[in-house]
Amino acid sequence: MLLVLVSLTAWKLKGSRGEETLPGEEAFQGEQEEAKPEQAPRPEPEPEPEEPEEKSPEQERAEFLPDYASAPLLHTTEIRSLSMEVGASGEEVRFNWLSPSPGKGSVLWKNAATGEEQKFEAQVAAASTVEGYYVNKASVTGVQPGASYTYRVGNEDAWSPEYTYERPKESGRLTFFVTSDAQIGQSEMEEPGETAERWDSVVTRLKGYVPEAEFLFHLGDHVADASNTEQYELFLDHLALYRIPLAPIVGNHDIINDYGTGRVGGRNFYEHFNVPNRSDTGQSQFDLDGNYYFIRGETLFIVLNSSTIQSYEVLEQYVARVVQENPDVKWRILAQHFSPYSSVSRYQENNDSRIREYLARAAVDNHIDLVLSGHEHTYARSAIVNRDCETLNDYNYDPGDTVVNPQGTLYVTCGTSSGCLYHPVEPEVRLMFQNEENVPTALRIDITDTELHLRAYLVDSWRVCDEYTIRKE
């Protein structure tokens, strides 16, 4: 009986390793196992990630839905206009919110795995945009890759619901989204709530389909009317935006200035966003917004306020200074609201050529790999363009192509990500691809040590309409 039990045990041990046991060898192998010193069990291999289920465009559109149920909504409390922004590095996340009392606000931050709790205090000032409310700006530091956190914001008089944030694991690849021109409140087309619901569907799909994305750019025109606080809330109050940091860019509709809408209202952009490394240059004459920059991995992101009275020379100087102060990067990306190469006829007719010229100088002189912009409400990708705004014809530009060690800069314009308004497309000699489908668009960009790969999605059907790669060898 003892021999039989030993034999069965040995057979199970061998079978668990996937090795074949021949008939008649059970007893011998069982004795051999007993003779060996006890060993720790081998760790189970991590399961391979499952391939996503292939869905038809019709199925994708049927699942293109907003998320109002996976967590409590902000308006169930007295806290208003919560936003999460990128920090100067991946270890920092910044927050901005409005509270109903002047008491010192804070972020209560908890590591979901260890239970460690931290409190990060906010700077508080009376709001000029919402009567009786106070602007809170706080920064959370020490955020670790792959760690999950819960947080809530407020003070002893009011707290937000508790939300979750997980910083993606380090993988050797940086992934982020690009969106633009949600422009909530574009009343010529539909009610603001309808646009906001479609915007919710976009950010819900982006965050759900690509959880490894580190942040989300929005390239300007968050709202239609810079003085309308309700439109800012309709842009911000979405559960997906409480789970991924935002990199906002000033659009001509976002602030009160010579390029914006009207001359009355408070400092809405500044009082709703909290960006890192904010500069004095680039501030509007009516707001406290400015240029800023941040770094992720080996990529430097420079954000310009192109809706101010600052000269193009000042913008060039700012780009050069930031690049000089941050030399240890391999990729450089520049972003602003106004596109230098337009797909829209009325913008082509009225376009200020100085925008093209200063961006070309700033980009080539400072080895900028990619310039991102919005404003057009249509997607477009340029050729590689030199310092004289000329197309370089030595490269391939079809969707799916790769350009190796380009001696110029690529320009990409993101279309509207809410579908608030579309413009007809007109050809432009430097634009190699222009999308004419009137659906919300967004970009996914992946950066490794040697490649920058972009994909433009028609978000409602999750179909790639364009992709392109820059490779450095």
Protein backbone atom coordinates (compact mmCIF):
# COMPACT_ATOMS: atom_id res chain seq x y z
CA MET A 1 0.00 0.00 0.00
CA LEU A 2 2.83 2.44 0.89
CA LEU A 3 4.49 1.77 -2.48
CA VAL A 4 1.26 2.54 -4.32
CA LEU A 5 0.78 5.85 -2.49
CA VAL A 6 4.37 6.89 -3.21
CA SER A 7 3.90 5.96 -6.86
CA LEU A 8 0.72 8.02 -7.19
CA THR A 9 2.42 11.02 -5.58
CA ALA A 10 5.34 10.82 -7.96
CA TRP A 11 3.02 10.58 -10.96
CA LYS A 12 1.17 13.72 -9.87
CA LEU A 13 4.43 15.64 -9.38
CA LYS A 14 5.61 14.71 -12.85
CA GLY A 15 2.25 15.43 -14.43
CA SER A 16 2.12 18.92 -12.90
CA ARG A 17 5.33 19.82 -14.77
CA GLY A 18 3.89 18.61 -18.08
CA GLU A 19 6.46 15.76 -18.37
CA GLU A 20 5.48 12.35 -19.73
CA THR A 21 5.66 9.36 -17.32
CA LEU A 22 6.07 5.97 -19.00
CA PRO A 23 4.11 2.95 -17.72
CA GLY A 24 6.12 0.78 -15.27
CA GLU A 25 8.40 3.66 -14.18
CA GLU A 26 6.19 5.05 -11.40
CA ALA A 27 7.91 3.25 -8.50
CA PHE A 28 11.43 4.08 -9.70
CA GLN A 29 10.64 7.75 -10.18
CA GLY A 30 8.89 7.95 -6.84
CA GLU A 31 12.05 6.66 -5.11
CA GLN A 32 14.14 9.18 -7.03
CA GLU A 33 11.88 12.04 -5.89
CA GLU A 34 12.22 10.96 -2.24
CA ALA A 35 15.99 10.94 -2.56
CA LYS A 36 16.13 14.57 -3.72
CA PRO A 37 16.27 17.43 -1.19
CA GLU A 38 13.04 19.35 -0.82
CA GLN A 39 12.73 22.21 -3.35
CA ALA A 40 10.49 25.25 -3.41
CA PRO A 41 7.70 24.97 -5.97
CA ARG A 42 8.31 26.77 -9.22
CA PRO A 43 6.30 29.97 -9.62
CA GLU A 44 3.35 29.75 -11.94
CA PRO A 45 4.00 31.63 -15.21
CA GLU A 46 1.93 34.77 -15.71
CA PRO A 47 -0.96 34.14 -18.08
CA GLU A 48 -0.66 35.60 -21.55
CA PRO A 49 -2.95 38.62 -22.06
CA GLU A 50 -6.07 37.71 -23.92
CA GLU A 51 -6.50 39.10 -27.39
CA PRO A 52 -9.38 41.59 -27.50
CA GLU A 53 -12.49 40.28 -29.13
CA GLU A 54 -12.87 41.40 -32.72
CA LYS A 55 -15.95 43.56 -33.07
CA SER A 56 -17.62 45.00 -36.12
CA PRO A 57 -17.98 48.77 -36.45
CA GLU A 58 -21.69 48.32 -35.81
CA GLN A 59 -20.99 46.48 -32.54
CA GLU A 60 -18.48 49.14 -31.51
CA ARG A 61 -21.00 51.91 -32.14
CA ALA A 62 -23.64 50.04 -30.14
CA GLU A 63 -21.21 49.94 -27.17
CA PHE A 64 -20.18 53.61 -27.54
CA LEU A 65 -21.83 54.71 -24.31
CA PRO A 66 -21.19 57.21 -21.51
CA ASP A 67 -20.26 56.10 -17.98
CA TYR A 68 -22.48 57.55 -15.27
CA ALA A 69 -22.75 54.50 -13.03
CA SER A 70 -19.34 53.01 -12.16
CA ALA A 71 -18.74 55.48 -9.31
CA PRO A 72 -20.62 58.31 -7.54
CA LEU A 73 -20.83 61.46 -9.62
CA LEU A 74 -19.25 64.65 -8.36
CA HIS A 75 -22.51 66.60 -8.24
CA THR A 76 -23.74 64.33 -5.43
CA THR A 77 -21.56 66.56 -3.22
CA GLU A 78 -20.93 70.30 -2.90
CA ILE A 79 -17.51 70.02 -4.53
CA ARG A 80 -17.49 71.37 -8.09
CA SER A 81 -15.30 71.16 -11.21
CA LEU A 82 -12.78 68.57 -10.07
CA SER A 83 -9.93 68.10 -12.54
CA MET A 84 -6.80 65.92 -12.48
CA GLU A 85 -3.78 67.24 -14.38
CA VAL A 86 -0.35 65.98 -15.36
CA GLY A 87 2.55 66.72 -13.05
CA ALA A 88 6.07 67.82 -13.95
CA SER A 89 7.06 64.12 -13.93
CA GLY A 90 5.19 60.83 -13.72
CA GLU A 91 5.62 60.83 -9.94
CA GLU A 92 3.35 63.88 -9.61
CA VAL A 93 -0.40 64.29 -10.18
CA ARG A 94 -2.05 67.69 -9.78
CA PHE A 95 -5.63 68.50 -8.78
CA ASN A 96 -7.94 71.50 -9.10
CA TRP A 97 -11.43 71.90 -7.63
CA LEU A 98 -13.94 74.41 -6.29
CA SER A 99 -15.13 74.17 -2.67
CA PRO A 100 -18.02 76.03 -0.97
CA SER A 101 -15.90 77.32 1.95
CA PRO A 102 -12.50 78.98 2.39
CA GLY A 103 -11.17 76.30 4.76
CA LYS A 104 -7.83 74.72 3.88
CA GLY A 105 -8.52 72.06 1.26
CA SER A 106 -6.56 68.85 0.78
CA VAL A 107 -6.28 65.62 -1.17
CA LEU A 108 -6.69 62.50 0.99
CA TRP A 109 -4.53 59.97 -0.86
CA LYS A 110 -4.42 56.25 -0.04
CA ASN A 111 -2.31 53.42 -1.45
CA ALA A 112 -4.84 50.68 -2.17
CA ALA A 113 -2.32 47.85 -1.62
CA THR A 114 -0.51 49.02 1.53
CA GLY A 115 -3.27 51.11 3.10
CA GLU A 116 -0.82 53.99 3.61
CA GLU A 117 -2.68 57.31 3.77
CA GLN A 118 -1.26 60.74 2.97
CA LYS A 119 -2.68 64.23 3.05
CA PHE A 120 -1.62 66.84 0.49
CA GLU A 121 -2.74 70.38 1.29
CA ALA A 122 -4.04 72.80 -1.35
CA GLN A 123 -3.53 76.47 -2.01
CA VAL A 124 -6.90 78.20 -1.65
CA ALA A 125 -8.21 81.47 -3.10
CA ALA A 126 -11.63 82.98 -3.68
CA ALA A 127 -12.98 82.15 -7.14
CA SER A 128 -13.75 84.92 -9.59
CA THR A 129 -15.82 82.56 -11.75
CA VAL A 130 -18.30 81.01 -9.28
CA GLU A 131 -19.71 83.28 -6.61
CA GLY A 132 -19.27 81.95 -3.08
CA TYR A 133 -16.77 79.25 -4.11
CA TYR A 134 -13.02 78.85 -3.62
CA VAL A 135 -10.35 77.54 -5.98
CA ASN A 136 -8.16 74.75 -4.57
CA LYS A 137 -4.89 73.69 -6.23
CA ALA A 138 -2.94 70.72 -4.86
CA SER A 139 -0.09 68.47 -5.94
CA VAL A 140 0.32 64.79 -5.03
CA THR A 141 3.90 63.48 -5.18
CA GLY A 142 5.60 60.11 -4.86
CA VAL A 143 3.17 58.34 -7.22
CA GLN A 144 4.68 54.92 -8.06
CA PRO A 145 4.43 53.03 -11.38
CA GLY A 146 1.91 50.21 -11.27
CA ALA A 147 0.44 51.34 -7.94
CA SER A 148 -3.29 51.85 -7.35
CA TYR A 149 -4.63 54.68 -5.23
CA THR A 150 -7.92 56.02 -3.94
CA TYR A 151 -8.46 59.71 -3.29
CA ARG A 152 -10.98 62.36 -2.38
CA VAL A 153 -10.69 66.14 -2.25
CA GLY A 154 -12.25 68.82 -0.09
CA ASN A 155 -12.18 70.18 3.45
CA GLU A 156 -14.11 69.74 6.70
CA ASP A 157 -17.17 71.42 5.17
CA ALA A 158 -17.45 69.27 2.01
CA TRP A 159 -15.73 66.28 0.42
CA SER A 160 -15.89 64.78 -3.04
CA PRO A 161 -16.75 61.11 -3.56
CA GLU A 162 -13.80 58.70 -3.45
CA TYR A 163 -12.21 57.97 -6.82
CA THR A 164 -9.45 55.64 -8.00
CA TYR A 165 -6.24 56.25 -9.93
CA GLU A 166 -3.72 53.68 -11.14
CA ARG A 167 -0.43 54.81 -12.58
CA PRO A 168 0.51 52.49 -15.47
CA LYS A 169 3.41 50.07 -15.04
CA GLU A 170 6.78 50.87 -16.56
CA SER A 171 7.08 48.94 -19.80
CA GLY A 172 9.67 50.73 -21.92
CA ARG A 173 6.85 52.37 -23.86
CA LEU A 174 5.04 55.63 -23.19
CA THR A 175 1.39 55.70 -24.30
CA PHE A 176 -0.87 58.75 -24.26
CA PHE A 177 -4.01 60.12 -25.93
CA VAL A 178 -4.60 63.30 -27.90
CA THR A 179 -8.06 64.90 -28.07
CA SER A 180 -9.23 68.37 -29.07
CA ASP A 181 -12.12 70.78 -29.47
CA ALA A 182 -14.76 69.21 -27.25
CA GLN A 183 -16.14 72.77 -27.33
CA ILE A 184 -19.06 72.05 -25.02
CA GLY A 185 -21.86 74.54 -25.72
CA GLN A 186 -21.52 74.86 -29.48
CA SER A 187 -25.22 75.80 -29.55
CA GLU A 188 -25.46 76.13 -33.33
CA MET A 189 -25.49 72.34 -33.52
CA GLU A 190 -27.12 70.86 -30.39
CA GLU A 191 -27.80 71.28 -26.69
CA PRO A 192 -24.66 71.35 -24.50
CA GLY A 193 -25.77 68.25 -22.61
CA GLU A 194 -25.82 66.20 -25.82
CA THR A 195 -22.26 67.20 -26.69
CA ALA A 196 -21.15 66.49 -23.11
CA GLU A 197 -22.66 63.01 -23.23
CA ARG A 198 -20.81 62.17 -26.45
CA TRP A 199 -17.59 63.58 -24.94
CA ASP A 200 -18.21 61.26 -21.96
CA SER A 201 -18.54 58.33 -24.37
CA VAL A 202 -15.20 59.25 -25.99
CA VAL A 203 -13.18 59.51 -22.76
CA THR A 204 -14.90 56.40 -21.34
CA ARG A 205 -13.87 54.37 -24.40
CA LEU A 206 -10.31 55.74 -24.46
CA LYS A 207 -9.67 54.98 -20.79
CA GLY A 208 -11.39 51.60 -20.95
CA TYR A 209 -9.77 50.36 -24.16
CA VAL A 210 -6.21 51.59 -23.46
CA PRO A 211 -5.68 51.49 -19.67
CA GLU A 212 -1.90 51.80 -20.13
CA ALA A 213 -2.25 55.40 -21.35
CA GLU A 214 -0.48 57.78 -18.95
CA PHE A 215 -2.35 60.99 -19.73
CA LEU A 216 -4.75 62.70 -22.11
CA PHE A 217 -3.99 65.85 -24.06
CA HIS A 218 -6.83 68.19 -24.90
CA LEU A 219 -5.57 70.68 -27.48
CA GLY A 220 -7.92 73.54 -26.70
CA ASP A 221 -11.48 74.84 -26.99
CA HIS A 222 -12.75 72.83 -24.05
CA VAL A 223 -15.85 75.07 -24.11
CA ALA A 224 -17.63 77.30 -26.61
CA ASP A 225 -18.12 80.32 -24.34
CA ALA A 226 -15.17 81.28 -22.14
CA SER A 227 -17.40 83.04 -19.61
CA ASN A 228 -19.77 80.09 -19.14
CA THR A 229 -18.88 78.12 -16.00
CA GLU A 230 -21.59 75.52 -16.67
CA GLN A 231 -19.84 74.59 -19.91
CA TYR A 232 -16.57 74.03 -18.04
CA GLU A 233 -18.40 71.71 -15.64
CA LEU A 234 -19.96 69.82 -18.57
CA PHE A 235 -16.46 69.33 -19.97
CA LEU A 236 -14.89 68.21 -16.68
CA ASP A 237 -17.50 66.20 -14.79
CA HIS A 238 -16.85 62.73 -16.23
CA LEU A 239 -15.73 59.68 -14.30
CA ALA A 240 -13.03 58.74 -16.82
CA LEU A 241 -11.36 62.13 -16.35
CA TYR A 242 -11.00 61.42 -12.60
CA ARG A 243 -8.88 58.36 -13.53
CA ILE A 244 -6.39 59.78 -16.04
CA PRO A 245 -4.43 63.05 -15.82
CA LEU A 246 -5.30 65.77 -18.32
CA ALA A 247 -2.86 68.03 -20.18
CA PRO A 248 -5.07 71.01 -21.14
CA ILE A 249 -4.11 73.63 -23.73
CA VAL A 250 -5.59 77.10 -24.05
CA GLY A 251 -7.91 77.50 -27.04
CA ASN A 252 -9.40 80.67 -28.42
CA HIS A 253 -12.78 79.78 -26.87
CA ASP A 254 -11.36 78.98 -23.43
CA ILE A 255 -10.37 82.40 -22.13
CA ILE A 256 -11.40 86.01 -22.39
CA ASN A 257 -8.94 87.72 -24.71
CA ASP A 258 -8.57 89.29 -28.13
CA TYR A 259 -8.91 85.86 -29.75
CA GLY A 260 -11.70 84.60 -27.52
CA THR A 261 -15.40 85.16 -27.03
CA GLY A 262 -16.47 88.37 -25.31
CA ARG A 263 -14.72 90.54 -22.75
CA VAL A 264 -16.58 89.69 -19.54
CA GLY A 265 -16.16 86.85 -17.08
CA GLY A 266 -13.53 85.54 -14.71
CA ARG A 267 -10.33 83.59 -15.12
CA ASN A 268 -12.06 80.37 -16.12
CA PHE A 269 -9.16 78.45 -17.61
CA TYR A 270 -6.80 79.22 -14.73
CA GLU A 271 -9.43 78.50 -12.10
CA HIS A 272 -10.33 75.10 -13.60
CA PHE A 273 -6.87 73.67 -14.37
CA ASN A 274 -3.61 73.21 -12.46
CA VAL A 275 -0.66 72.64 -14.79
CA PRO A 276 3.05 72.17 -13.92
CA ASN A 277 5.95 74.53 -14.62
CA ARG A 278 3.59 77.37 -15.52
CA SER A 279 5.54 80.29 -16.97
CA ASP A 280 5.01 84.03 -16.71
CA THR A 281 5.42 84.21 -20.48
CA GLY A 282 2.31 83.23 -22.38
CA GLN A 283 -0.13 84.67 -19.87
CA SER A 284 -3.20 86.26 -21.36
CA GLN A 285 -4.08 89.86 -20.71
CA PHE A 286 -7.31 88.58 -19.13
CA ASP A 287 -6.19 85.34 -17.46
CA LEU A 288 -3.31 83.75 -15.52
CA ASP A 289 -2.73 80.91 -17.95
CA GLY A 290 0.70 80.52 -19.56
CA ASN A 291 3.08 78.22 -21.34
CA TYR A 292 4.18 75.06 -19.50
CA TYR A 293 6.10 71.83 -19.94
CA PHE A 294 6.45 68.36 -18.46
CA ILE A 295 8.56 65.23 -18.97
CA ARG A 296 7.54 61.59 -19.25
CA GLY A 297 10.36 59.09 -19.55
CA GLU A 298 12.66 60.42 -22.24
CA THR A 299 10.07 62.67 -23.87
CA LEU A 300 9.78 66.42 -23.32
CA PHE A 301 6.34 67.99 -23.87
CA ILE A 302 6.20 71.76 -24.42
CA VAL A 303 2.77 73.42 -24.34
CA LEU A 304 2.29 76.92 -25.78
CA ASN A 305 -0.54 79.37 -25.23
CA SER A 306 -1.17 80.59 -28.77
CA SER A 307 -4.18 82.72 -27.71
CA THR A 308 -2.33 85.59 -26.05
CA ILE A 309 -0.76 88.90 -26.94
CA GLN A 310 2.78 87.52 -26.60
CA SER A 311 4.90 87.82 -29.74
CA TYR A 312 6.02 84.85 -31.79
CA GLU A 313 9.58 85.79 -30.91
CA VAL A 314 8.78 85.29 -27.22
CA LEU A 315 7.30 81.86 -27.97
CA GLU A 316 10.43 80.86 -29.89
CA GLN A 317 12.62 82.00 -27.01
CA TYR A 318 10.53 80.01 -24.55
CA VAL A 319 10.84 76.80 -26.59
CA ALA A 320 14.61 77.25 -26.91
CA ARG A 321 15.01 77.86 -23.17
CA VAL A 322 12.98 74.82 -22.13
CA VAL A 323 14.89 72.57 -24.56
CA GLN A 324 18.21 73.91 -23.32
CA GLU A 325 17.23 73.34 -19.67
CA ASN A 326 16.12 69.75 -20.38
CA PRO A 327 18.82 68.23 -22.61
CA ASP A 328 18.57 64.60 -21.46
CA VAL A 329 15.61 63.53 -23.60
CA LYS A 330 15.34 61.62 -26.86
CA TRP A 331 11.98 62.93 -28.08
CA ARG A 332 10.49 66.43 -28.13
CA ILE A 333 6.82 67.20 -28.73
CA LEU A 334 5.35 70.70 -29.06
CA ALA A 335 1.64 71.43 -28.68
CA GLN A 336 -0.54 74.51 -29.22
CA HIS A 337 -4.14 75.16 -30.23
CA PHE A 338 -3.77 76.87 -33.61
CA SER A 339 -2.70 74.70 -36.52
CA PRO A 340 -0.11 76.07 -38.95
CA TYR A 341 -1.41 74.06 -41.93
CA SER A 342 -5.16 74.30 -42.26
CA SER A 343 -7.68 71.96 -43.90
CA VAL A 344 -10.46 74.57 -43.73
CA SER A 345 -10.91 77.06 -46.55
CA ARG A 346 -11.81 80.08 -44.43
CA TYR A 347 -8.84 79.44 -42.16
CA GLN A 348 -6.60 79.02 -45.20
CA GLU A 349 -7.75 82.40 -46.50
CA ASN A 350 -7.25 84.16 -43.17
CA ASN A 351 -4.34 82.14 -41.78
CA ASP A 352 -1.48 84.18 -40.38
CA SER A 353 1.63 82.93 -42.20
CA ARG A 354 3.72 84.01 -39.20
CA ILE A 355 2.29 81.04 -37.23
CA ARG A 356 3.75 78.63 -39.79
CA GLU A 357 7.04 80.48 -39.91
CA TYR A 358 7.67 80.76 -36.17
CA LEU A 359 6.67 77.13 -35.55
CA ALA A 360 8.98 75.94 -38.34
CA ARG A 361 11.89 77.87 -36.86
CA ALA A 362 11.15 76.78 -33.29
CA ALA A 363 10.67 73.15 -34.35
CA VAL A 364 13.72 72.68 -36.57
CA ASP A 365 16.11 74.78 -34.49
CA ASN A 366 15.22 72.81 -31.34
CA HIS A 367 14.89 69.34 -32.92
CA ILE A 368 11.16 69.03 -32.27
CA ASP A 369 9.92 65.68 -33.60
CA LEU A 370 6.17 66.34 -33.61
CA VAL A 371 3.90 69.38 -33.41
CA LEU A 372 0.31 68.77 -32.23
CA SER A 373 -2.54 71.22 -32.74
CA GLY A 374 -6.33 71.48 -32.92
CA HIS A 375 -8.79 74.25 -33.84
CA GLU A 376 -9.66 72.79 -37.27
CA HIS A 377 -12.35 70.28 -36.23
CA THR A 378 -10.84 67.88 -38.76
CA TYR A 379 -7.87 65.50 -38.61
CA ALA A 380 -4.80 66.06 -40.79
CA ARG A 381 -1.17 64.85 -40.98
CA SER A 382 1.53 66.79 -42.79
CA ALA A 383 4.64 65.80 -44.67
CA ILE A 384 7.97 66.24 -42.93
CA VAL A 385 8.43 70.01 -43.16
CA ASN A 386 11.71 71.94 -43.06
CA ARG A 387 12.61 75.33 -41.55
CA ASP A 388 11.30 77.13 -44.64
CA CYS A 389 7.86 75.46 -44.39
CA GLU A 390 8.69 73.30 -47.41
CA THR A 391 7.66 69.67 -47.89
CA LEU A 392 10.54 67.18 -47.90
CA ASN A 393 9.84 64.73 -50.73
CA ASP A 394 12.40 62.05 -49.83
CA TYR A 395 10.00 60.20 -47.52
CA ASN A 396 6.89 58.03 -47.89
CA TYR A 397 3.67 59.48 -46.49
CA ASP A 398 0.95 56.90 -47.01
CA PRO A 399 -0.95 55.65 -43.92
CA GLY A 400 1.13 52.94 -42.26
CA ASP A 401 4.46 54.21 -43.61
CA THR A 402 7.58 54.82 -41.52
CA VAL A 403 9.99 57.73 -41.84
CA VAL A 404 13.57 57.10 -40.66
CA ASN A 405 15.70 59.88 -39.16
CA PRO A 406 13.70 62.73 -40.72
CA GLN A 407 15.46 66.05 -41.16
CA GLY A 408 12.40 68.11 -40.32
CA THR A 409 9.20 68.02 -38.28
CA LEU A 410 5.86 66.23 -38.52
CA TYR A 411 2.66 68.27 -37.89
CA VAL A 412 -0.58 66.60 -36.83
CA THR A 413 -3.95 68.28 -36.26
CA CYS A 414 -6.51 66.45 -34.12
CA GLY A 415 -10.15 66.77 -35.12
CA THR A 416 -13.02 67.37 -32.72
CA SER A 417 -13.30 64.68 -30.06
CA SER A 418 -16.91 65.47 -29.21
CA GLY A 419 -18.44 65.89 -32.66
CA CYS A 420 -19.68 69.35 -31.70
CA LEU A 421 -18.97 70.84 -35.14
CA TYR A 422 -17.32 69.66 -38.37
CA HIS A 423 -15.75 71.63 -41.20
CA PRO A 424 -15.45 70.60 -44.88
CA VAL A 425 -11.92 69.60 -45.88
CA GLU A 426 -9.90 71.54 -48.46
CA PRO A 427 -6.53 70.29 -49.80
CA GLU A 428 -3.30 71.91 -48.57
CA VAL A 429 0.01 71.22 -50.29
CA ARG A 430 1.84 70.18 -47.10
CA LEU A 431 -0.93 67.91 -45.80
CA MET A 432 -0.46 64.28 -46.81
CA PHE A 433 -3.58 62.87 -45.12
CA GLN A 434 -6.90 64.56 -44.29
CA ASN A 435 -9.89 62.80 -42.77
CA GLU A 436 -13.31 63.67 -44.19
CA GLU A 437 -15.50 61.46 -41.97
CA ASN A 438 -17.66 63.47 -39.59
CA VAL A 439 -17.24 61.44 -36.40
CA PRO A 440 -15.32 62.13 -33.15
CA THR A 441 -11.58 61.50 -33.50
CA ALA A 442 -8.72 60.94 -31.06
CA LEU A 443 -5.08 59.90 -31.33
CA ARG A 444 -3.13 57.22 -29.54
CA ILE A 445 0.63 57.81 -29.51
CA ASP A 446 3.19 55.19 -28.40
CA ILE A 447 6.84 56.14 -27.87
CA THR A 448 9.77 53.77 -27.35
CA ASP A 449 13.49 54.38 -27.38
CA THR A 450 13.56 54.24 -31.17
CA GLU A 451 10.02 54.84 -32.46
CA LEU A 452 7.11 57.26 -32.22
CA HIS A 453 3.97 55.61 -33.55
CA LEU A 454 0.66 57.44 -33.92
CA ARG A 455 -2.79 56.09 -34.68
CA ALA A 456 -5.83 58.26 -35.40
CA TYR A 457 -9.11 56.64 -34.33
CA LEU A 458 -12.69 57.19 -35.38
CA VAL A 459 -13.70 56.70 -31.78
CA ASP A 460 -17.34 55.69 -32.25
CA SER A 461 -16.36 52.61 -34.30
CA TRP A 462 -12.81 52.28 -32.86
CA ARG A 463 -11.48 52.16 -36.40
CA VAL A 464 -8.00 53.41 -37.30
CA CYS A 465 -8.28 55.99 -40.07
CA ASP A 466 -4.56 56.87 -40.18
CA GLU A 467 -1.26 55.77 -38.68
CA TYR A 468 2.34 56.78 -39.12
CA THR A 469 5.73 56.08 -37.51
CA ILE A 470 8.90 58.09 -36.93
CA ARG A 471 11.97 55.92 -36.35
CA LYS A 472 15.36 57.03 -35.05
CA GLU A 473 18.34 54.84 -35.92
